[in-house]
Amino acid sequence: MTAENNAATGNLDALSYEEAREELMNVVSRLEAGGASLEESLALWERGEALAKRCEEWLEGARRRLAASRDNEEDSGDAN
């Protein structure tokens, strides 16, 4: 199995945001280039959807952490 196939079947939870985004950009490029069979295109599309969801999960987690940090900062400010 090649590294690319490994990445395609790998666990999304193990990918950092940057890794998932990079792979998503590669998937989009391959789809835009055309030339893939219908089966391959569908597999790429499904992988792209999963990668986009993973990126959104990372971003949502970052938003929650920022909001929690702001809330903690405001609570600390109110106590002073």
Protein backbone atom coordinates (compact mmCIF):
# COMPACT_ATOMS: atom_id res chain seq x y z
CA MET A 1 0.00 0.00 0.00
CA THR A 2 1.40 3.42 -0.93
CA ALA A 3 1.64 6.37 1.44
CA GLU A 4 -1.13 8.05 -0.56
CA ASN A 5 -3.41 5.04 -0.16
CA ASN A 6 -2.53 4.93 3.52
CA ALA A 7 -3.55 8.57 3.87
CA ALA A 8 -6.76 7.94 1.95
CA THR A 9 -7.81 5.16 4.29
CA GLY A 10 -6.19 6.56 7.42
CA ASN A 11 -7.96 7.64 10.54
CA LEU A 12 -9.17 11.22 10.18
CA ASP A 13 -8.98 11.77 13.94
CA ALA A 14 -5.20 11.37 13.76
CA LEU A 15 -4.81 14.23 11.25
CA SER A 16 -3.85 17.69 12.39
CA TYR A 17 -5.79 20.60 10.93
CA GLU A 18 -2.91 21.38 8.58
CA GLU A 19 -2.66 17.77 7.39
CA ALA A 20 -6.41 17.52 6.78
CA ARG A 21 -6.47 20.87 4.96
CA GLU A 22 -3.50 19.92 2.79
CA GLU A 23 -5.04 16.58 1.86
CA LEU A 24 -8.36 18.29 1.15
CA MET A 25 -6.64 20.73 -1.21
CA ASN A 26 -5.00 17.77 -2.99
CA VAL A 27 -8.35 16.03 -3.34
CA VAL A 28 -9.95 19.17 -4.78
CA SER A 29 -7.07 19.59 -7.23
CA ARG A 30 -7.40 16.00 -8.40
CA LEU A 31 -11.15 16.37 -8.87
CA GLU A 32 -10.73 19.65 -10.74
CA ALA A 33 -8.08 18.14 -13.01
CA GLY A 34 -10.54 15.51 -14.19
CA GLY A 35 -9.51 12.30 -15.86
CA ALA A 36 -10.41 10.08 -12.91
CA SER A 37 -12.87 7.24 -13.33
CA LEU A 38 -16.35 7.66 -11.87
CA GLU A 39 -15.49 5.27 -9.05
CA GLU A 40 -12.28 7.13 -8.22
CA SER A 41 -14.05 10.48 -8.42
CA LEU A 42 -16.73 9.31 -6.00
CA ALA A 43 -14.08 8.00 -3.60
CA LEU A 44 -12.23 11.33 -3.82
CA TRP A 45 -15.48 13.24 -3.24
CA GLU A 46 -16.30 11.15 -0.17
CA ARG A 47 -12.79 11.61 1.21
CA GLY A 48 -13.04 15.34 0.55
CA GLU A 49 -16.32 15.54 2.42
CA ALA A 50 -14.81 13.69 5.39
CA LEU A 51 -11.72 15.93 5.35
CA ALA A 52 -13.84 19.09 5.18
CA LYS A 53 -15.84 17.87 8.17
CA ARG A 54 -12.61 17.18 10.08
CA CYS A 55 -11.31 20.67 9.30
CA GLU A 56 -14.58 22.17 10.51
CA GLU A 57 -14.32 20.14 13.73
CA TRP A 58 -10.81 21.54 14.31
CA LEU A 59 -12.02 25.09 13.67
CA GLU A 60 -15.03 24.68 15.93
CA GLY A 61 -12.77 23.36 18.69
CA ALA A 62 -10.53 26.41 18.27
CA ARG A 63 -13.57 28.70 18.46
CA ARG A 64 -14.69 27.02 21.70
CA ARG A 65 -11.21 27.35 23.20
CA LEU A 66 -11.04 31.04 22.28
CA ALA A 67 -14.49 31.67 23.72
CA ALA A 68 -13.55 29.85 26.94
CA SER A 69 -10.35 31.85 27.17
CA ARG A 70 -12.25 35.12 26.69
CA ASP A 71 -14.81 34.08 29.30
CA ASN A 72 -12.04 33.22 31.78
CA GLU A 73 -10.32 36.52 31.06
CA GLU A 74 -13.58 38.43 31.59
CA ASP A 75 -14.23 36.54 34.84
CA SER A 76 -10.73 37.39 36.04
CA GLY A 77 -11.25 41.02 35.07
CA ASP A 78 -14.54 41.19 37.00
CA ALA A 79 -12.84 39.90 40.16
CA ASN A 80 -10.26 42.69 40.13
